[in-house]
C-alpha cells in the first residue's frame, strides 16, 4: 500500500466527505492527525478505499452452483420483472391434390412467463475505535468485514441458483416444477445396491432422457449426491471383456460425452428429503440464472459512531426454457 502522502490511484473522492465529517465529530484533531500528512481525513478514506478494492480482488473457494448454472447478465439493473416469451408451432402439412383448396393451416402459439426480480442486501461498518486502531497501527481497516459482506451475498446467490427461495417465488436448478422425474428401475439407497443394479439405474436414466426429447437435447452432465457417486465408483460389475469394472467407469465408457460429477448440494434436496440425481444438457440455451445486478457496494455513510457501507445484489432465480433438457431422479 502506498505511503499516506503518496498518490493513490484507486482512491474514491466521494468517500472523503463522510470520513471528514465522522472524524471531526468523534475524534480530537490531535488524536487522528498523522505527522507530515496535511489532511488525515484523506488518509482514512484511502484506508477504507483500500479495503473496498481488496474485497473485489480476493478469491474465494469455488461454489458448485457457479459451475452448474450459467449466469445471464443482459437484464438491466432497474428491471423489476422479466418476461420470457415461448413459442410452439402448431399444425402439420399433408399430401394434397393438384387443385386442392384445403391446405392445412400452420401457426405458432405463444405464451409469456414473468418472473420477479428480488434484491439481496447486507452491510458492514467501522466504529470510531476501529478507526483509531487503524491510525495507530498503520494497518488497513479490518477487511474481514468487507469480505464477509460479499461472501454472505454470494452464498445466498448460490442458494438461489440451486434451490431458489420459496418465500419469494424464486426457483433454482434442483426444484424446478416442470423438470421430468425418472423412477429408477432399482429404487432405494444406491449404497445398498449391487454394481449391476447401480449401472442399470444409470443406463435407464440415460435411455429415458433420450426417449423424452427425441434426440433434440444431448445430455452432457450427470450430477450425483456424494453417497450415490461413492457407490457407483466402488461397486463393481463385469465389463465387456469379463474384467470387473466399477459401475461408474462402465457407464462413462458407454457414454463418453457425459461427465459424472459428485455434487454435495444434492444431498436431501429430492422429494421427501432424499438425495437427488440430475441428468441434463448444460447450456445457456436451455436455462440461465438471471443475475440482474452482481454484488455492489454503495458509498459509505455516517451513522452515529459508525461508518456504514451497504451492499446489494439482484436476482430473478433460474429460468428453464426447455424442461425436456433435464431429467431428475432419487438415489436414496
C-alpha atoms as a PDB file:
ATOM      1  CA  UNK A   1       0.000   0.000   0.000  1.00  0.00           C
ATOM      2  CA  UNK A   2       1.358   3.468  -0.810  1.00  0.00           C
ATOM      3  CA  UNK A   3       2.507   5.748   1.972  1.00  0.00           C
ATOM      4  CA  UNK A   4      -0.196   8.149   3.217  1.00  0.00           C
ATOM      5  CA  UNK A   5       1.279  11.151   1.396  1.00  0.00           C
ATOM      6  CA  UNK A   6       1.641   9.338  -1.939  1.00  0.00           C
ATOM      7  CA  UNK A   7      -0.922   9.452  -4.718  1.00  0.00           C
ATOM      8  CA  UNK A   8      -3.425   6.603  -4.538  1.00  0.00           C
ATOM      9  CA  UNK A   9      -4.725   5.648  -7.997  1.00  0.00           C
ATOM     10  CA  UNK A  10      -7.776   3.799  -6.643  1.00  0.00           C
ATOM     11  CA  UNK A  11      -8.870   6.481  -4.139  1.00  0.00           C
ATOM     12  CA  UNK A  12     -12.554   7.369  -4.444  1.00  0.00           C
ATOM     13  CA  UNK A  13     -13.010  11.090  -3.572  1.00  0.00           C
ATOM     14  CA  UNK A  14     -16.707  10.515  -2.851  1.00  0.00           C
ATOM     15  CA  UNK A  15     -15.727   8.815   0.422  1.00  0.00           C
ATOM     16  CA  UNK A  16     -13.861  11.840   1.760  1.00  0.00           C
ATOM     17  CA  UNK A  17     -16.810  13.994   2.972  1.00  0.00           C
ATOM     18  CA  UNK A  18     -18.168  11.114   5.060  1.00  0.00           C
ATOM     19  CA  UNK A  19     -14.788  10.363   6.616  1.00  0.00           C
ATOM     20  CA  UNK A  20     -14.001  14.020   7.337  1.00  0.00           C
ATOM     21  CA  UNK A  21     -17.390  14.646   8.932  1.00  0.00           C
ATOM     22  CA  UNK A  22     -17.064  11.499  11.012  1.00  0.00           C
ATOM     23  CA  UNK A  23     -13.613  12.154  12.421  1.00  0.00           C
ATOM     24  CA  UNK A  24     -14.327  15.839  13.064  1.00  0.00           C
ATOM     25  CA  UNK A  25     -17.310  14.930  15.209  1.00  0.00           C
ATOM     26  CA  UNK A  26     -15.924  11.967  17.103  1.00  0.00           C
ATOM     27  CA  UNK A  27     -12.138  12.326  17.247  1.00  0.00           C
ATOM     28  CA  UNK A  28      -9.941  15.178  18.502  1.00  0.00           C
ATOM     29  CA  UNK A  29      -7.731  16.814  15.925  1.00  0.00           C
ATOM     30  CA  UNK A  30      -4.576  15.734  17.757  1.00  0.00           C
ATOM     31  CA  UNK A  31      -5.950  12.214  18.147  1.00  0.00           C
ATOM     32  CA  UNK A  32      -6.118  11.441  14.481  1.00  0.00           C
ATOM     33  CA  UNK A  33      -3.653  13.835  12.852  1.00  0.00           C
ATOM     34  CA  UNK A  34      -0.743  11.995  11.264  1.00  0.00           C
ATOM     35  CA  UNK A  35       2.648  13.683  11.087  1.00  0.00           C
ATOM     36  CA  UNK A  36       3.535  15.191   7.706  1.00  0.00           C
ATOM     37  CA  UNK A  37       0.056  14.447   6.365  1.00  0.00           C
ATOM     38  CA  UNK A  38      -1.904  17.689   5.860  1.00  0.00           C
ATOM     39  CA  UNK A  39      -5.317  16.029   5.595  1.00  0.00           C
ATOM     40  CA  UNK A  40      -5.682  12.888   7.677  1.00  0.00           C
ATOM     41  CA  UNK A  41      -9.293  12.520   6.535  1.00  0.00           C
ATOM     42  CA  UNK A  42      -7.956  11.671   3.089  1.00  0.00           C
ATOM     43  CA  UNK A  43      -5.625   9.112   4.659  1.00  0.00           C
ATOM     44  CA  UNK A  44      -8.529   7.432   6.463  1.00  0.00           C
ATOM     45  CA  UNK A  45     -10.613   7.490   3.270  1.00  0.00           C
ATOM     46  CA  UNK A  46      -7.751   5.799   1.457  1.00  0.00           C
ATOM     47  CA  UNK A  47      -7.655   3.138   4.143  1.00  0.00           C
ATOM     48  CA  UNK A  48     -11.346   2.458   3.593  1.00  0.00           C
ATOM     49  CA  UNK A  49     -10.939   2.534  -0.182  1.00  0.00           C
ATOM     50  CA  UNK A  50      -8.087   0.015   0.089  1.00  0.00           C
ATOM     51  CA  UNK A  51     -10.424  -2.399   1.844  1.00  0.00           C
ATOM     52  CA  UNK A  52     -13.142  -1.926  -0.743  1.00  0.00           C
ATOM     53  CA  UNK A  53     -10.718  -2.724  -3.529  1.00  0.00           C
ATOM     54  CA  UNK A  54      -9.419  -5.720  -1.617  1.00  0.00           C
ATOM     55  CA  UNK A  55     -12.834  -7.313  -1.351  1.00  0.00           C
ATOM     56  CA  UNK A  56     -13.169  -7.272  -5.138  1.00  0.00           C
ATOM     57  CA  UNK A  57      -9.745  -8.824  -5.657  1.00  0.00           C
ATOM     58  CA  UNK A  58      -9.957 -11.532  -3.025  1.00  0.00           C
ATOM     59  CA  UNK A  59     -10.534 -15.069  -4.344  1.00  0.00           C
ATOM     60  CA  UNK A  60     -12.984 -17.408  -2.623  1.00  0.00           C
ATOM     61  CA  UNK A  61     -13.296 -21.183  -2.969  1.00  0.00           C
ATOM     62  CA  UNK A  62     -15.413 -22.139  -5.978  1.00  0.00           C
ATOM     63  CA  UNK A  63     -19.061 -22.898  -5.269  1.00  0.00           C
ATOM     64  CA  UNK A  64     -20.724 -25.668  -7.278  1.00  0.00           C
ATOM     65  CA  UNK A  65     -23.681 -23.509  -8.253  1.00  0.00           C
ATOM     66  CA  UNK A  66     -21.434 -21.280 -10.340  1.00  0.00           C
ATOM     67  CA  UNK A  67     -20.399 -24.287 -12.428  1.00  0.00           C
ATOM     68  CA  UNK A  68     -23.817 -25.931 -12.613  1.00  0.00           C
ATOM     69  CA  UNK A  69     -25.855 -22.871 -13.584  1.00  0.00           C
ATOM     70  CA  UNK A  70     -24.803 -20.278 -16.192  1.00  0.00           C
ATOM     71  CA  UNK A  71     -25.471 -16.616 -15.390  1.00  0.00           C
ATOM     72  CA  UNK A  72     -27.287 -14.178 -17.665  1.00  0.00           C
ATOM     73  CA  UNK A  73     -26.488 -10.507 -17.118  1.00  0.00           C
ATOM     74  CA  UNK A  74     -28.380  -8.949 -20.033  1.00  0.00           C
ATOM     75  CA  UNK A  75     -31.283  -7.672 -17.901  1.00  0.00           C
ATOM     76  CA  UNK A  76     -30.811  -4.020 -16.792  1.00  0.00           C
ATOM     77  CA  UNK A  77     -30.358  -3.386 -13.081  1.00  0.00           C
ATOM     78  CA  UNK A  78     -33.530  -1.284 -12.825  1.00  0.00           C
ATOM     79  CA  UNK A  79     -35.850  -4.077 -14.045  1.00  0.00           C
ATOM     80  CA  UNK A  80     -38.499  -5.270 -11.584  1.00  0.00           C
ATOM     81  CA  UNK A  81     -39.804  -8.191 -13.676  1.00  0.00           C
ATOM     82  CA  UNK A  82     -38.532 -10.323 -16.562  1.00  0.00           C
ATOM     83  CA  UNK A  83     -40.889 -11.702 -19.216  1.00  0.00           C
ATOM     84  CA  UNK A  84     -39.880 -14.772 -21.185  1.00  0.00           C
ATOM     85  CA  UNK A  85     -41.775 -15.468 -24.404  1.00  0.00           C
ATOM     86  CA  UNK A  86     -42.034 -19.060 -25.602  1.00  0.00           C
ATOM     87  CA  UNK A  87     -43.458 -20.170 -28.942  1.00  0.00           C
ATOM     88  CA  UNK A  88     -44.771 -23.568 -30.042  1.00  0.00           C
ATOM     89  CA  UNK A  89     -45.500 -24.490 -33.700  1.00  0.00           C
ATOM     90  CA  UNK A  90     -49.000 -25.788 -34.409  1.00  0.00           C
ATOM     91  CA  UNK A  91     -50.174 -27.804 -37.434  1.00  0.00           C
ATOM     92  CA  UNK A  92     -48.751 -30.227 -39.990  1.00  0.00           C
ATOM     93  CA  UNK A  93     -48.504 -30.423 -43.750  1.00  0.00           C
ATOM     94  CA  UNK A  94     -50.323 -33.157 -45.694  1.00  0.00           C
ATOM     95  CA  UNK A  95     -50.422 -34.624 -49.184  1.00  0.00           C
ATOM     96  CA  UNK A  96     -52.755 -32.570 -51.402  1.00  0.00           C
ATOM     97  CA  UNK A  97     -54.254 -32.819 -54.889  1.00  0.00           C
ATOM     98  CA  UNK A  98     -53.244 -30.501 -57.718  1.00  0.00           C
ATOM     99  CA  UNK A  99     -56.274 -28.232 -57.284  1.00  0.00           C
ATOM    100  CA  UNK A 100     -56.700 -28.596 -53.556  1.00  0.00           C
ATOM    101  CA  UNK A 101     -58.104 -25.610 -51.695  1.00  0.00           C
ATOM    102  CA  UNK A 102     -57.994 -27.047 -48.192  1.00  0.00           C
ATOM    103  CA  UNK A 103     -54.304 -26.794 -47.402  1.00  0.00           C
ATOM    104  CA  UNK A 104     -53.812 -27.226 -43.662  1.00  0.00           C
ATOM    105  CA  UNK A 105     -53.046 -24.086 -41.719  1.00  0.00           C
ATOM    106  CA  UNK A 106     -49.904 -23.903 -39.595  1.00  0.00           C
ATOM    107  CA  UNK A 107     -49.280 -21.300 -36.949  1.00  0.00           C
ATOM    108  CA  UNK A 108     -47.378 -20.576 -33.775  1.00  0.00           C
ATOM    109  CA  UNK A 109     -48.789 -20.484 -30.275  1.00  0.00           C
ATOM    110  CA  UNK A 110     -47.086 -18.228 -27.779  1.00  0.00           C
ATOM    111  CA  UNK A 111     -47.058 -17.960 -24.017  1.00  0.00           C
ATOM    112  CA  UNK A 112     -45.479 -15.461 -21.644  1.00  0.00           C
ATOM    113  CA  UNK A 113     -43.815 -16.300 -18.358  1.00  0.00           C
ATOM    114  CA  UNK A 114     -42.985 -13.470 -15.980  1.00  0.00           C
ATOM    115  CA  UNK A 115     -40.563 -13.696 -13.054  1.00  0.00           C
ATOM    116  CA  UNK A 116     -39.957 -11.074 -10.386  1.00  0.00           C
ATOM    117  CA  UNK A 117     -36.546  -9.592  -9.650  1.00  0.00           C
ATOM    118  CA  UNK A 118     -35.604  -9.610  -5.965  1.00  0.00           C
ATOM    119  CA  UNK A 119     -32.991  -7.520  -4.165  1.00  0.00           C
ATOM    120  CA  UNK A 120     -30.496  -9.005  -1.703  1.00  0.00           C
ATOM    121  CA  UNK A 121     -28.654  -6.881   0.793  1.00  0.00           C
ATOM    122  CA  UNK A 122     -26.305  -6.774   3.764  1.00  0.00           C
ATOM    123  CA  UNK A 123     -23.901  -4.250   5.272  1.00  0.00           C
ATOM    124  CA  UNK A 124     -20.740  -3.789   7.300  1.00  0.00           C
ATOM    125  CA  UNK A 125     -19.348  -0.917   9.329  1.00  0.00           C
ATOM    126  CA  UNK A 126     -16.399   0.506  11.241  1.00  0.00           C
ATOM    127  CA  UNK A 127     -16.707   2.386  14.514  1.00  0.00           C
ATOM    128  CA  UNK A 128     -14.622   5.218  15.888  1.00  0.00           C
ATOM    129  CA  UNK A 129     -12.373   2.946  17.950  1.00  0.00           C
ATOM    130  CA  UNK A 130     -11.550   0.818  14.929  1.00  0.00           C
ATOM    131  CA  UNK A 131     -10.554   3.966  13.057  1.00  0.00           C
ATOM    132  CA  UNK A 132      -8.269   4.953  15.946  1.00  0.00           C
ATOM    133  CA  UNK A 133      -6.687   1.497  15.933  1.00  0.00           C
ATOM    134  CA  UNK A 134      -6.181   1.694  12.200  1.00  0.00           C
ATOM    135  CA  UNK A 135      -4.487   5.104  12.518  1.00  0.00           C
ATOM    136  CA  UNK A 136      -2.260   3.912  15.378  1.00  0.00           C
ATOM    137  CA  UNK A 137      -1.076   0.717  13.735  1.00  0.00           C
ATOM    138  CA  UNK A 138      -0.884   1.924  10.141  1.00  0.00           C
ATOM    139  CA  UNK A 139      -2.735  -1.202   9.068  1.00  0.00           C
ATOM    140  CA  UNK A 140      -5.741  -1.127   6.722  1.00  0.00           C
ATOM    141  CA  UNK A 141      -9.173  -1.406   8.312  1.00  0.00           C
ATOM    142  CA  UNK A 142     -10.263  -4.967   9.030  1.00  0.00           C
ATOM    143  CA  UNK A 143     -11.001  -6.415   5.619  1.00  0.00           C
ATOM    144  CA  UNK A 144     -12.794  -9.436   7.050  1.00  0.00           C
ATOM    145  CA  UNK A 145     -15.994  -7.433   7.444  1.00  0.00           C
ATOM    146  CA  UNK A 146     -15.956  -6.419   3.796  1.00  0.00           C
ATOM    147  CA  UNK A 147     -15.082  -9.947   2.741  1.00  0.00           C
ATOM    148  CA  UNK A 148     -17.935 -11.412   4.764  1.00  0.00           C
ATOM    149  CA  UNK A 149     -20.422  -8.921   3.330  1.00  0.00           C
ATOM    150  CA  UNK A 150     -19.589 -10.119  -0.159  1.00  0.00           C
ATOM    151  CA  UNK A 151     -19.383 -13.742   0.936  1.00  0.00           C
ATOM    152  CA  UNK A 152     -22.840 -13.609   2.540  1.00  0.00           C
ATOM    153  CA  UNK A 153     -24.430 -12.344  -0.665  1.00  0.00           C
ATOM    154  CA  UNK A 154     -22.546 -14.895  -2.777  1.00  0.00           C
ATOM    155  CA  UNK A 155     -23.786 -17.699  -0.516  1.00  0.00           C
ATOM    156  CA  UNK A 156     -27.366 -16.510  -0.909  1.00  0.00           C
ATOM    157  CA  UNK A 157     -26.999 -16.212  -4.678  1.00  0.00           C
ATOM    158  CA  UNK A 158     -25.627 -19.749  -4.836  1.00  0.00           C
ATOM    159  CA  UNK A 159     -28.507 -20.995  -2.708  1.00  0.00           C
ATOM    160  CA  UNK A 160     -30.976 -19.317  -5.069  1.00  0.00           C
ATOM    161  CA  UNK A 161     -29.251 -20.805  -8.123  1.00  0.00           C
ATOM    162  CA  UNK A 162     -29.647 -24.331  -6.744  1.00  0.00           C
ATOM    163  CA  UNK A 163     -32.795 -24.271  -4.587  1.00  0.00           C
ATOM    164  CA  UNK A 164     -34.414 -20.897  -5.225  1.00  0.00           C
ATOM    165  CA  UNK A 165     -36.335 -19.161  -2.440  1.00  0.00           C
ATOM    166  CA  UNK A 166     -39.902 -20.376  -1.968  1.00  0.00           C
ATOM    167  CA  UNK A 167     -40.760 -17.409   0.263  1.00  0.00           C
ATOM    168  CA  UNK A 168     -40.268 -15.028  -2.659  1.00  0.00           C
ATOM    169  CA  UNK A 169     -41.274 -17.204  -5.612  1.00  0.00           C
ATOM    170  CA  UNK A 170     -37.764 -17.846  -6.908  1.00  0.00           C
ATOM    171  CA  UNK A 171     -36.848 -21.220  -8.412  1.00  0.00           C
ATOM    172  CA  UNK A 172     -33.437 -22.872  -8.582  1.00  0.00           C
ATOM    173  CA  UNK A 173     -31.990 -25.677 -10.667  1.00  0.00           C
ATOM    174  CA  UNK A 174     -32.932 -28.503  -8.290  1.00  0.00           C
ATOM    175  CA  UNK A 175     -36.536 -27.510  -7.513  1.00  0.00           C
ATOM    176  CA  UNK A 176     -37.923 -26.584 -10.919  1.00  0.00           C
ATOM    177  CA  UNK A 177     -41.601 -27.643 -11.034  1.00  0.00           C
ATOM    178  CA  UNK A 178     -41.571 -28.749 -14.687  1.00  0.00           C
ATOM    179  CA  UNK A 179     -38.486 -30.992 -14.837  1.00  0.00           C
ATOM    180  CA  UNK A 180     -39.440 -34.621 -15.688  1.00  0.00           C
ATOM    181  CA  UNK A 181     -38.953 -37.218 -12.935  1.00  0.00           C
ATOM    182  CA  UNK A 182     -37.434 -40.647 -13.544  1.00  0.00           C
ATOM    183  CA  UNK A 183     -38.257 -43.701 -11.425  1.00  0.00           C
ATOM    184  CA  UNK A 184     -35.153 -45.839 -11.057  1.00  0.00           C
ATOM    185  CA  UNK A 185     -35.526 -49.489 -12.115  1.00  0.00           C
ATOM    186  CA  UNK A 186     -33.735 -50.333  -8.830  1.00  0.00           C
ATOM    187  CA  UNK A 187     -35.073 -47.751  -6.358  1.00  0.00           C
ATOM    188  CA  UNK A 188     -33.616 -47.123  -2.940  1.00  0.00           C
ATOM    189  CA  UNK A 189     -30.289 -46.156  -1.447  1.00  0.00           C
ATOM    190  CA  UNK A 190     -27.546 -46.750  -4.002  1.00  0.00           C
ATOM    191  CA  UNK A 191     -25.121 -47.651  -1.225  1.00  0.00           C
ATOM    192  CA  UNK A 192     -27.178 -50.823  -0.638  1.00  0.00           C
ATOM    193  CA  UNK A 193     -27.355 -51.830  -4.318  1.00  0.00           C
ATOM    194  CA  UNK A 194     -25.033 -54.056  -6.322  1.00  0.00           C
ATOM    195  CA  UNK A 195     -22.845 -52.682  -9.064  1.00  0.00           C
ATOM    196  CA  UNK A 196     -25.145 -54.210 -11.696  1.00  0.00           C
ATOM    197  CA  UNK A 197     -28.180 -52.517 -10.158  1.00  0.00           C
ATOM    198  CA  UNK A 198     -26.447 -49.139  -9.983  1.00  0.00           C
ATOM    199  CA  UNK A 199     -25.310 -49.469 -13.590  1.00  0.00           C
ATOM    200  CA  UNK A 200     -28.870 -50.376 -14.637  1.00  0.00           C
ATOM    201  CA  UNK A 201     -30.137 -47.215 -12.923  1.00  0.00           C
ATOM    202  CA  UNK A 202     -27.635 -45.028 -14.726  1.00  0.00           C
ATOM    203  CA  UNK A 203     -28.300 -46.612 -18.117  1.00  0.00           C
ATOM    204  CA  UNK A 204     -32.053 -46.487 -17.528  1.00  0.00           C
ATOM    205  CA  UNK A 205     -31.839 -42.791 -16.755  1.00  0.00           C
ATOM    206  CA  UNK A 206     -29.815 -42.164 -19.913  1.00  0.00           C
ATOM    207  CA  UNK A 207     -32.276 -44.115 -22.101  1.00  0.00           C
ATOM    208  CA  UNK A 208     -35.270 -42.319 -20.608  1.00  0.00           C
ATOM    209  CA  UNK A 209     -33.586 -38.967 -21.277  1.00  0.00           C
ATOM    210  CA  UNK A 210     -33.070 -39.761 -24.956  1.00  0.00           C
ATOM    211  CA  UNK A 211     -36.649 -41.019 -25.367  1.00  0.00           C
ATOM    212  CA  UNK A 212     -38.260 -37.989 -23.737  1.00  0.00           C
ATOM    213  CA  UNK A 213     -36.730 -35.426 -26.097  1.00  0.00           C
ATOM    214  CA  UNK A 214     -36.307 -37.496 -29.285  1.00  0.00           C
ATOM    215  CA  UNK A 215     -32.658 -36.541 -29.686  1.00  0.00           C
ATOM    216  CA  UNK A 216     -33.238 -32.790 -29.564  1.00  0.00           C
ATOM    217  CA  UNK A 217     -31.041 -32.478 -26.479  1.00  0.00           C
ATOM    218  CA  UNK A 218     -27.806 -34.299 -25.709  1.00  0.00           C
ATOM    219  CA  UNK A 219     -27.056 -34.816 -22.033  1.00  0.00           C
ATOM    220  CA  UNK A 220     -23.518 -33.830 -21.101  1.00  0.00           C
ATOM    221  CA  UNK A 221     -23.602 -33.911 -17.275  1.00  0.00           C
ATOM    222  CA  UNK A 222     -24.891 -36.357 -14.677  1.00  0.00           C
ATOM    223  CA  UNK A 223     -24.853 -34.857 -11.185  1.00  0.00           C
ATOM    224  CA  UNK A 224     -24.901 -37.307  -8.255  1.00  0.00           C
ATOM    225  CA  UNK A 225     -25.070 -36.819  -4.499  1.00  0.00           C
ATOM    226  CA  UNK A 226     -21.923 -37.998  -2.643  1.00  0.00           C
ATOM    227  CA  UNK A 227     -23.427 -41.275  -1.410  1.00  0.00           C
ATOM    228  CA  UNK A 228     -24.622 -42.280  -4.892  1.00  0.00           C
ATOM    229  CA  UNK A 229     -21.352 -41.205  -6.507  1.00  0.00           C
ATOM    230  CA  UNK A 230     -19.311 -43.185  -3.982  1.00  0.00           C
ATOM    231  CA  UNK A 231     -21.456 -46.274  -4.568  1.00  0.00           C
ATOM    232  CA  UNK A 232     -21.180 -46.005  -8.352  1.00  0.00           C
ATOM    233  CA  UNK A 233     -17.426 -45.547  -8.055  1.00  0.00           C
ATOM    234  CA  UNK A 234     -16.886 -48.511  -5.725  1.00  0.00           C
ATOM    235  CA  UNK A 235     -19.386 -51.207  -6.718  1.00  0.00           C
ATOM    236  CA  UNK A 236     -18.110 -53.494  -9.484  1.00  0.00           C
ATOM    237  CA  UNK A 237     -19.782 -55.133 -12.463  1.00  0.00           C
ATOM    238  CA  UNK A 238     -18.421 -57.480 -15.085  1.00  0.00           C
ATOM    239  CA  UNK A 239     -17.147 -55.478 -18.029  1.00  0.00           C
ATOM    240  CA  UNK A 240     -17.386 -56.378 -21.744  1.00  0.00           C
ATOM    241  CA  UNK A 241     -14.040 -58.163 -21.571  1.00  0.00           C
ATOM    242  CA  UNK A 242     -15.002 -60.113 -18.472  1.00  0.00           C
ATOM    243  CA  UNK A 243     -12.803 -57.984 -16.213  1.00  0.00           C
ATOM    244  CA  UNK A 244     -14.502 -56.351 -13.176  1.00  0.00           C
ATOM    245  CA  UNK A 245     -15.054 -52.620 -13.546  1.00  0.00           C
ATOM    246  CA  UNK A 246     -16.923 -50.081 -11.437  1.00  0.00           C
ATOM    247  CA  UNK A 247     -20.449 -49.140 -12.459  1.00  0.00           C
ATOM    248  CA  UNK A 248     -19.306 -45.544 -12.909  1.00  0.00           C
ATOM    249  CA  UNK A 249     -16.374 -46.437 -15.154  1.00  0.00           C
ATOM    250  CA  UNK A 250     -18.521 -48.726 -17.304  1.00  0.00           C
ATOM    251  CA  UNK A 251     -21.170 -46.028 -17.696  1.00  0.00           C
ATOM    252  CA  UNK A 252     -18.546 -43.491 -18.753  1.00  0.00           C
ATOM    253  CA  UNK A 253     -17.087 -45.928 -21.257  1.00  0.00           C
ATOM    254  CA  UNK A 254     -20.534 -46.310 -22.828  1.00  0.00           C
ATOM    255  CA  UNK A 255     -21.334 -42.587 -22.624  1.00  0.00           C
ATOM    256  CA  UNK A 256     -18.067 -40.660 -23.012  1.00  0.00           C
ATOM    257  CA  UNK A 257     -19.959 -37.440 -23.761  1.00  0.00           C
ATOM    258  CA  UNK A 258     -21.433 -37.403 -20.243  1.00  0.00           C
ATOM    259  CA  UNK A 259     -19.372 -36.070 -17.324  1.00  0.00           C
ATOM    260  CA  UNK A 260     -20.403 -37.562 -13.982  1.00  0.00           C
ATOM    261  CA  UNK A 261     -19.860 -35.201 -11.045  1.00  0.00           C
ATOM    262  CA  UNK A 262     -20.001 -35.516  -7.270  1.00  0.00           C
ATOM    263  CA  UNK A 263     -22.182 -32.626  -6.027  1.00  0.00           C
ATOM    264  CA  UNK A 264     -22.653 -32.362  -2.271  1.00  0.00           C
ATOM    265  CA  UNK A 265     -25.547 -29.898  -2.621  1.00  0.00           C
ATOM    266  CA  UNK A 266     -27.727 -32.739  -3.997  1.00  0.00           C
ATOM    267  CA  UNK A 267     -27.987 -34.310  -0.551  1.00  0.00           C
ATOM    268  CA  UNK A 268     -31.567 -34.271   0.720  1.00  0.00           C
ATOM    269  CA  UNK A 269     -32.987 -31.935  -1.937  1.00  0.00           C
ATOM    270  CA  UNK A 270     -35.265 -34.528  -3.556  1.00  0.00           C
ATOM    271  CA  UNK A 271     -38.842 -35.356  -2.616  1.00  0.00           C
ATOM    272  CA  UNK A 272     -39.150 -36.464   0.991  1.00  0.00           C
ATOM    273  CA  UNK A 273     -35.661 -35.188   1.803  1.00  0.00           C
ATOM    274  CA  UNK A 274     -33.975 -37.851  -0.322  1.00  0.00           C
ATOM    275  CA  UNK A 275     -30.784 -37.494  -2.338  1.00  0.00           C
ATOM    276  CA  UNK A 276     -31.274 -36.313  -5.896  1.00  0.00           C
ATOM    277  CA  UNK A 277     -29.645 -37.006  -9.262  1.00  0.00           C
ATOM    278  CA  UNK A 278     -29.853 -34.749 -12.303  1.00  0.00           C
ATOM    279  CA  UNK A 279     -29.047 -35.631 -15.910  1.00  0.00           C
ATOM    280  CA  UNK A 280     -29.072 -32.599 -18.182  1.00  0.00           C
ATOM    281  CA  UNK A 281     -27.628 -30.671 -21.081  1.00  0.00           C
ATOM    282  CA  UNK A 282     -25.720 -27.793 -19.516  1.00  0.00           C
ATOM    283  CA  UNK A 283     -26.190 -24.893 -21.890  1.00  0.00           C
ATOM    284  CA  UNK A 284     -27.344 -21.306 -21.520  1.00  0.00           C
ATOM    285  CA  UNK A 285     -29.733 -22.029 -24.412  1.00  0.00           C
ATOM    286  CA  UNK A 286     -31.708 -24.287 -22.053  1.00  0.00           C
ATOM    287  CA  UNK A 287     -31.637 -22.372 -18.756  1.00  0.00           C
ATOM    288  CA  UNK A 288     -29.986 -19.435 -17.003  1.00  0.00           C
ATOM    289  CA  UNK A 289     -29.784 -17.667 -13.683  1.00  0.00           C
ATOM    290  CA  UNK A 290     -30.807 -14.057 -14.237  1.00  0.00           C
ATOM    291  CA  UNK A 291     -28.130 -12.202 -12.285  1.00  0.00           C
ATOM    292  CA  UNK A 292     -29.629  -8.748 -12.698  1.00  0.00           C
ATOM    293  CA  UNK A 293     -27.110  -6.910 -10.507  1.00  0.00           C
ATOM    294  CA  UNK A 294     -23.902  -8.511  -9.213  1.00  0.00           C
ATOM    295  CA  UNK A 295     -22.508  -7.645  -5.792  1.00  0.00           C
ATOM    296  CA  UNK A 296     -22.384  -3.852  -5.434  1.00  0.00           C
ATOM    297  CA  UNK A 297     -21.155  -1.655  -2.568  1.00  0.00           C
ATOM    298  CA  UNK A 298     -22.874   1.698  -2.017  1.00  0.00           C
ATOM    299  CA  UNK A 299     -20.944   4.770  -0.821  1.00  0.00           C
ATOM    300  CA  UNK A 300     -20.246   4.723   2.949  1.00  0.00           C
ATOM    301  CA  UNK A 301     -22.474   6.764   5.235  1.00  0.00           C
ATOM    302  CA  UNK A 302     -22.066   8.056   8.765  1.00  0.00           C
ATOM    303  CA  UNK A 303     -24.461   6.706  11.394  1.00  0.00           C
ATOM    304  CA  UNK A 304     -23.773   7.885  14.929  1.00  0.00           C
ATOM    305  CA  UNK A 305     -20.371   6.435  15.933  1.00  0.00           C
ATOM    306  CA  UNK A 306     -20.039   4.218  12.876  1.00  0.00           C
ATOM    307  CA  UNK A 307     -19.337   4.428   9.170  1.00  0.00           C
ATOM    308  CA  UNK A 308     -21.692   2.001   7.423  1.00  0.00           C
ATOM    309  CA  UNK A 309     -21.396   0.505   3.931  1.00  0.00           C
ATOM    310  CA  UNK A 310     -24.497  -1.100   2.415  1.00  0.00           C
ATOM    311  CA  UNK A 311     -24.144  -3.897  -0.154  1.00  0.00           C
ATOM    312  CA  UNK A 312     -26.700  -5.063  -2.716  1.00  0.00           C
ATOM    313  CA  UNK A 313     -27.292  -7.655  -5.434  1.00  0.00           C
ATOM    314  CA  UNK A 314     -30.339  -8.561  -7.549  1.00  0.00           C
ATOM    315  CA  UNK A 315     -31.557 -11.939  -8.818  1.00  0.00           C
ATOM    316  CA  UNK A 316     -34.623 -13.359 -10.577  1.00  0.00           C
ATOM    317  CA  UNK A 317     -33.776 -17.002  -9.905  1.00  0.00           C
ATOM    318  CA  UNK A 318     -33.306 -19.727 -12.512  1.00  0.00           C
ATOM    319  CA  UNK A 319     -35.464 -19.862 -15.639  1.00  0.00           C
ATOM    320  CA  UNK A 320     -35.701 -23.118 -17.604  1.00  0.00           C
ATOM    321  CA  UNK A 321     -36.580 -22.658 -21.263  1.00  0.00           C
ATOM    322  CA  UNK A 322     -36.576 -26.326 -22.287  1.00  0.00           C
ATOM    323  CA  UNK A 323     -37.662 -28.677 -19.470  1.00  0.00           C
ATOM    324  CA  UNK A 324     -37.033 -31.789 -21.584  1.00  0.00           C
ATOM    325  CA  UNK A 325     -33.321 -30.993 -21.499  1.00  0.00           C
ATOM    326  CA  UNK A 326     -33.428 -32.218 -17.858  1.00  0.00           C
ATOM    327  CA  UNK A 327     -34.251 -35.449 -16.062  1.00  0.00           C
ATOM    328  CA  UNK A 328     -34.201 -35.902 -12.303  1.00  0.00           C
ATOM    329  CA  UNK A 329     -34.373 -38.951 -10.044  1.00  0.00           C
ATOM    330  CA  UNK A 330     -33.902 -40.127  -6.456  1.00  0.00           C
ATOM    331  CA  UNK A 331     -30.826 -42.056  -5.317  1.00  0.00           C
ATOM    332  CA  UNK A 332     -31.826 -42.884  -1.712  1.00  0.00           C
END
